[in-house]
Amino acid sequence: MENNHNQLGCLIQTLRKIDSSFEKNGISTHALALKNNDSEIVVTGNFEGLINLGLKILEVASSCSDGEHVHFDEHSLFDECDKGLIISYKSAEWD
């Protein structure tokens, strides 16, 4: 398990470097939207936005700390957001 955490840490560091390059003229090029349709939640984004979303989720997973979480809404990550989303870590019974 420790090797998996080390590999995940390396992946996160690499993604942070890639993510930090996503700007043009000093402005972020991330684009993300969360739409609440009648039967489903739809997340759409450009390359940069989806990489950033994945990075944030991996950071929560790597914490292995119950309650660690990240908020996704218009104030934190999404350009458009019908309803806020929280991704939270919770250990499974067998962890």
N, C-alpha and C. Protein backbone atom coordinates (compact mmCIF):
# COMPACT_ATOMS: atom_id res chain seq x y z
N MET A 1 0.83 -1.20 0.00
CA MET A 1 0.00 0.00 0.00
C MET A 1 0.86 1.26 0.00
N GLU A 2 1.97 1.22 0.73
CA GLU A 2 2.84 2.40 0.81
C GLU A 2 3.38 2.77 -0.56
N ASN A 3 3.72 1.76 -1.39
CA ASN A 3 4.20 2.02 -2.73
C ASN A 3 3.15 2.74 -3.56
N ASN A 4 1.88 2.35 -3.40
CA ASN A 4 0.79 3.02 -4.11
C ASN A 4 0.70 4.49 -3.72
N HIS A 5 0.87 4.77 -2.42
CA HIS A 5 0.82 6.16 -1.95
C HIS A 5 2.00 6.96 -2.49
N ASN A 6 3.17 6.33 -2.56
CA ASN A 6 4.33 7.02 -3.12
C ASN A 6 4.12 7.33 -4.60
N GLN A 7 3.59 6.36 -5.34
CA GLN A 7 3.32 6.58 -6.75
C GLN A 7 2.27 7.66 -6.95
N LEU A 8 1.24 7.65 -6.10
CA LEU A 8 0.20 8.67 -6.19
C LEU A 8 0.79 10.05 -5.90
N GLY A 9 1.67 10.12 -4.90
CA GLY A 9 2.33 11.39 -4.59
C GLY A 9 3.13 11.92 -5.77
N CYS A 10 3.83 11.04 -6.46
CA CYS A 10 4.59 11.45 -7.66
C CYS A 10 3.66 11.93 -8.76
N LEU A 11 2.56 11.22 -8.95
CA LEU A 11 1.58 11.61 -9.95
C LEU A 11 0.99 12.99 -9.64
N ILE A 12 0.66 13.21 -8.38
CA ILE A 12 0.10 14.50 -7.97
C ILE A 12 1.10 15.62 -8.21
N GLN A 13 2.37 15.40 -7.86
CA GLN A 13 3.39 16.42 -8.10
C GLN A 13 3.50 16.75 -9.59
N THR A 14 3.46 15.71 -10.42
CA THR A 14 3.55 15.92 -11.86
C THR A 14 2.33 16.69 -12.37
N LEU A 15 1.15 16.30 -11.91
CA LEU A 15 -0.07 17.00 -12.33
C LEU A 15 -0.08 18.46 -11.86
N ARG A 16 0.46 18.72 -10.67
CA ARG A 16 0.53 20.12 -10.19
C ARG A 16 1.41 20.96 -11.11
N LYS A 17 2.53 20.39 -11.56
CA LYS A 17 3.41 21.11 -12.49
C LYS A 17 2.70 21.39 -13.80
N ILE A 18 2.02 20.37 -14.32
CA ILE A 18 1.27 20.54 -15.56
C ILE A 18 0.17 21.58 -15.37
N ASP A 19 -0.58 21.46 -14.27
CA ASP A 19 -1.70 22.35 -13.99
C ASP A 19 -1.25 23.80 -13.85
N SER A 20 -0.08 24.00 -13.26
CA SER A 20 0.40 25.38 -13.06
C SER A 20 0.78 26.06 -14.38
N SER A 21 0.92 25.28 -15.44
CA SER A 21 1.28 25.87 -16.74
C SER A 21 0.04 26.32 -17.53
N PHE A 22 -1.13 26.06 -17.02
CA PHE A 22 -2.36 26.36 -17.74
C PHE A 22 -2.79 27.81 -17.52
N GLU A 23 -2.08 28.70 -18.18
CA GLU A 23 -2.49 30.10 -18.15
C GLU A 23 -2.02 30.77 -19.43
N LYS A 24 -2.71 31.83 -19.77
CA LYS A 24 -2.37 32.62 -20.94
C LYS A 24 -2.45 34.08 -20.54
N ASN A 25 -1.36 34.77 -20.71
CA ASN A 25 -1.27 36.18 -20.31
C ASN A 25 -1.63 36.37 -18.85
N GLY A 26 -1.20 35.42 -18.00
CA GLY A 26 -1.44 35.52 -16.56
C GLY A 26 -2.84 35.13 -16.11
N ILE A 27 -3.67 34.63 -17.02
CA ILE A 27 -5.04 34.26 -16.70
C ILE A 27 -5.21 32.76 -16.89
N SER A 28 -5.85 32.12 -15.92
CA SER A 28 -6.10 30.68 -15.97
C SER A 28 -6.89 30.31 -17.22
N THR A 29 -6.51 29.19 -17.84
CA THR A 29 -7.25 28.70 -19.00
C THR A 29 -8.18 27.54 -18.64
N HIS A 30 -8.35 27.28 -17.34
CA HIS A 30 -9.27 26.23 -16.89
C HIS A 30 -10.71 26.63 -17.21
N ALA A 31 -11.49 25.67 -17.68
CA ALA A 31 -12.92 25.91 -17.89
C ALA A 31 -13.69 24.67 -17.42
N LEU A 32 -14.60 24.87 -16.48
CA LEU A 32 -15.42 23.79 -15.94
C LEU A 32 -16.83 24.28 -15.67
N ALA A 33 -17.79 23.40 -15.87
CA ALA A 33 -19.18 23.72 -15.55
C ALA A 33 -19.84 22.47 -14.96
N LEU A 34 -20.72 22.68 -14.00
CA LEU A 34 -21.49 21.60 -13.40
C LEU A 34 -22.96 21.95 -13.58
N LYS A 35 -23.66 21.10 -14.32
CA LYS A 35 -25.08 21.33 -14.59
C LYS A 35 -25.91 20.25 -13.92
N ASN A 36 -26.96 20.65 -13.24
CA ASN A 36 -27.87 19.73 -12.57
C ASN A 36 -29.08 19.52 -13.47
N ASN A 37 -29.04 18.45 -14.29
CA ASN A 37 -30.19 18.10 -15.11
C ASN A 37 -31.19 17.36 -14.25
N ASP A 38 -32.35 17.07 -14.78
CA ASP A 38 -33.39 16.40 -13.99
C ASP A 38 -32.92 15.07 -13.41
N SER A 39 -32.19 14.28 -14.19
CA SER A 39 -31.86 12.93 -13.75
C SER A 39 -30.38 12.71 -13.47
N GLU A 40 -29.54 13.72 -13.71
CA GLU A 40 -28.11 13.51 -13.52
C GLU A 40 -27.37 14.83 -13.35
N ILE A 41 -26.18 14.72 -12.82
CA ILE A 41 -25.26 15.86 -12.74
C ILE A 41 -24.27 15.70 -13.88
N VAL A 42 -24.03 16.76 -14.64
CA VAL A 42 -23.12 16.71 -15.77
C VAL A 42 -21.98 17.70 -15.53
N VAL A 43 -20.76 17.17 -15.58
CA VAL A 43 -19.56 18.02 -15.48
C VAL A 43 -18.96 18.11 -16.86
N THR A 44 -18.77 19.33 -17.33
CA THR A 44 -18.12 19.54 -18.62
C THR A 44 -16.92 20.45 -18.40
N GLY A 45 -15.92 20.24 -19.22
CA GLY A 45 -14.74 21.09 -19.08
C GLY A 45 -13.79 20.92 -20.24
N ASN A 46 -12.89 21.87 -20.36
CA ASN A 46 -11.84 21.74 -21.36
C ASN A 46 -10.71 20.88 -20.77
N PHE A 47 -9.69 20.65 -21.55
CA PHE A 47 -8.56 19.80 -21.12
C PHE A 47 -8.01 20.27 -19.78
N GLU A 48 -7.74 21.56 -19.69
CA GLU A 48 -7.14 22.12 -18.48
C GLU A 48 -8.05 21.97 -17.27
N GLY A 49 -9.34 22.24 -17.45
CA GLY A 49 -10.28 22.16 -16.35
C GLY A 49 -10.45 20.75 -15.84
N LEU A 50 -10.53 19.78 -16.74
CA LEU A 50 -10.70 18.39 -16.32
C LEU A 50 -9.44 17.85 -15.65
N ILE A 51 -8.26 18.26 -16.11
CA ILE A 51 -7.02 17.86 -15.43
C ILE A 51 -7.03 18.41 -14.01
N ASN A 52 -7.43 19.67 -13.84
CA ASN A 52 -7.48 20.27 -12.51
C ASN A 52 -8.49 19.58 -11.61
N LEU A 53 -9.64 19.23 -12.14
CA LEU A 53 -10.65 18.51 -11.37
C LEU A 53 -10.09 17.17 -10.90
N GLY A 54 -9.47 16.43 -11.81
CA GLY A 54 -8.86 15.15 -11.45
C GLY A 54 -7.80 15.31 -10.38
N LEU A 55 -6.99 16.36 -10.50
CA LEU A 55 -5.95 16.63 -9.50
C LEU A 55 -6.56 16.86 -8.12
N LYS A 56 -7.60 17.65 -8.05
CA LYS A 56 -8.24 17.93 -6.76
C LYS A 56 -8.80 16.66 -6.13
N ILE A 57 -9.39 15.79 -6.94
CA ILE A 57 -9.94 14.54 -6.42
C ILE A 57 -8.81 13.63 -5.94
N LEU A 58 -7.71 13.56 -6.69
CA LEU A 58 -6.57 12.75 -6.27
C LEU A 58 -5.95 13.27 -4.98
N GLU A 59 -5.94 14.59 -4.81
CA GLU A 59 -5.40 15.15 -3.57
C GLU A 59 -6.24 14.72 -2.36
N VAL A 60 -7.56 14.68 -2.52
CA VAL A 60 -8.42 14.21 -1.44
C VAL A 60 -8.15 12.74 -1.17
N ALA A 61 -8.07 11.94 -2.23
CA ALA A 61 -7.82 10.50 -2.07
C ALA A 61 -6.49 10.25 -1.37
N SER A 62 -5.48 11.01 -1.71
CA SER A 62 -4.14 10.78 -1.16
C SER A 62 -4.04 11.15 0.32
N SER A 63 -4.99 11.94 0.80
CA SER A 63 -4.95 12.35 2.21
C SER A 63 -5.19 11.17 3.14
N CYS A 64 -6.01 10.21 2.69
CA CYS A 64 -6.39 9.06 3.53
C CYS A 64 -6.87 9.51 4.90
N SER A 65 -7.51 10.66 4.94
CA SER A 65 -7.96 11.25 6.19
C SER A 65 -9.47 11.45 6.14
N ASP A 66 -10.20 10.69 6.98
CA ASP A 66 -11.65 10.83 7.00
C ASP A 66 -12.05 12.29 7.18
N GLY A 67 -12.96 12.72 6.34
CA GLY A 67 -13.45 14.08 6.42
C GLY A 67 -12.69 15.05 5.53
N GLU A 68 -11.51 14.68 5.05
CA GLU A 68 -10.80 15.55 4.10
C GLU A 68 -11.72 15.74 2.90
N HIS A 69 -11.84 16.96 2.44
CA HIS A 69 -12.79 17.22 1.37
C HIS A 69 -12.40 18.44 0.56
N VAL A 70 -13.06 18.57 -0.58
CA VAL A 70 -12.89 19.75 -1.42
C VAL A 70 -14.27 20.14 -1.93
N HIS A 71 -14.50 21.45 -1.94
CA HIS A 71 -15.77 21.99 -2.44
C HIS A 71 -15.59 22.39 -3.90
N PHE A 72 -16.55 22.04 -4.70
CA PHE A 72 -16.59 22.46 -6.08
C PHE A 72 -17.83 23.31 -6.26
N ASP A 73 -17.62 24.58 -6.56
CA ASP A 73 -18.73 25.49 -6.84
C ASP A 73 -18.17 26.69 -7.59
N GLU A 74 -19.01 27.67 -7.83
CA GLU A 74 -18.57 28.85 -8.60
C GLU A 74 -17.47 29.64 -7.89
N HIS A 75 -17.35 29.47 -6.58
CA HIS A 75 -16.35 30.24 -5.83
C HIS A 75 -15.01 29.53 -5.75
N SER A 76 -14.98 28.24 -6.09
CA SER A 76 -13.73 27.52 -5.92
C SER A 76 -13.16 26.92 -7.20
N LEU A 77 -13.97 26.41 -8.10
CA LEU A 77 -13.39 25.71 -9.24
C LEU A 77 -14.21 25.88 -10.52
N PHE A 78 -15.52 25.88 -10.42
CA PHE A 78 -16.37 25.87 -11.60
C PHE A 78 -16.70 27.29 -12.06
N ASP A 79 -16.72 27.45 -13.38
CA ASP A 79 -17.14 28.73 -13.97
C ASP A 79 -18.66 28.87 -13.87
N GLU A 80 -19.35 27.76 -14.08
CA GLU A 80 -20.80 27.69 -13.93
C GLU A 80 -21.12 26.51 -13.03
N CYS A 81 -22.08 26.70 -12.14
CA CYS A 81 -22.39 25.62 -11.20
C CYS A 81 -23.83 25.76 -10.72
N ASP A 82 -24.69 24.85 -11.15
CA ASP A 82 -26.10 24.87 -10.72
C ASP A 82 -26.25 24.49 -9.26
N LYS A 83 -25.38 23.59 -8.79
CA LYS A 83 -25.45 23.10 -7.43
C LYS A 83 -24.04 22.74 -6.99
N GLY A 84 -23.66 23.11 -5.79
CA GLY A 84 -22.33 22.79 -5.29
C GLY A 84 -22.12 21.28 -5.15
N LEU A 85 -20.86 20.88 -5.23
CA LEU A 85 -20.49 19.48 -5.11
C LEU A 85 -19.35 19.38 -4.10
N ILE A 86 -19.43 18.40 -3.22
CA ILE A 86 -18.36 18.16 -2.25
C ILE A 86 -17.85 16.74 -2.46
N ILE A 87 -16.55 16.61 -2.63
CA ILE A 87 -15.91 15.29 -2.69
C ILE A 87 -15.21 15.11 -1.36
N SER A 88 -15.53 14.02 -0.67
CA SER A 88 -15.03 13.79 0.69
C SER A 88 -14.44 12.40 0.81
N TYR A 89 -13.36 12.27 1.59
CA TYR A 89 -12.72 10.98 1.85
C TYR A 89 -13.39 10.32 3.04
N LYS A 90 -13.67 9.03 2.90
CA LYS A 90 -14.18 8.23 4.01
C LYS A 90 -13.60 6.84 3.86
N SER A 91 -12.94 6.36 4.90
CA SER A 91 -12.36 5.03 4.88
C SER A 91 -13.45 3.98 4.75
N ALA A 92 -13.13 2.91 4.04
CA ALA A 92 -14.03 1.77 3.95
C ALA A 92 -13.83 0.89 5.19
N GLU A 93 -14.79 0.06 5.49
CA GLU A 93 -14.70 -0.82 6.67
C GLU A 93 -13.45 -1.69 6.64
N TRP A 94 -12.99 -2.07 5.46
CA TRP A 94 -11.85 -2.97 5.35
C TRP A 94 -10.51 -2.25 5.29
N ASP A 95 -10.51 -0.92 5.31
CA ASP A 95 -9.24 -0.16 5.30
C ASP A 95 -8.55 -0.25 6.65
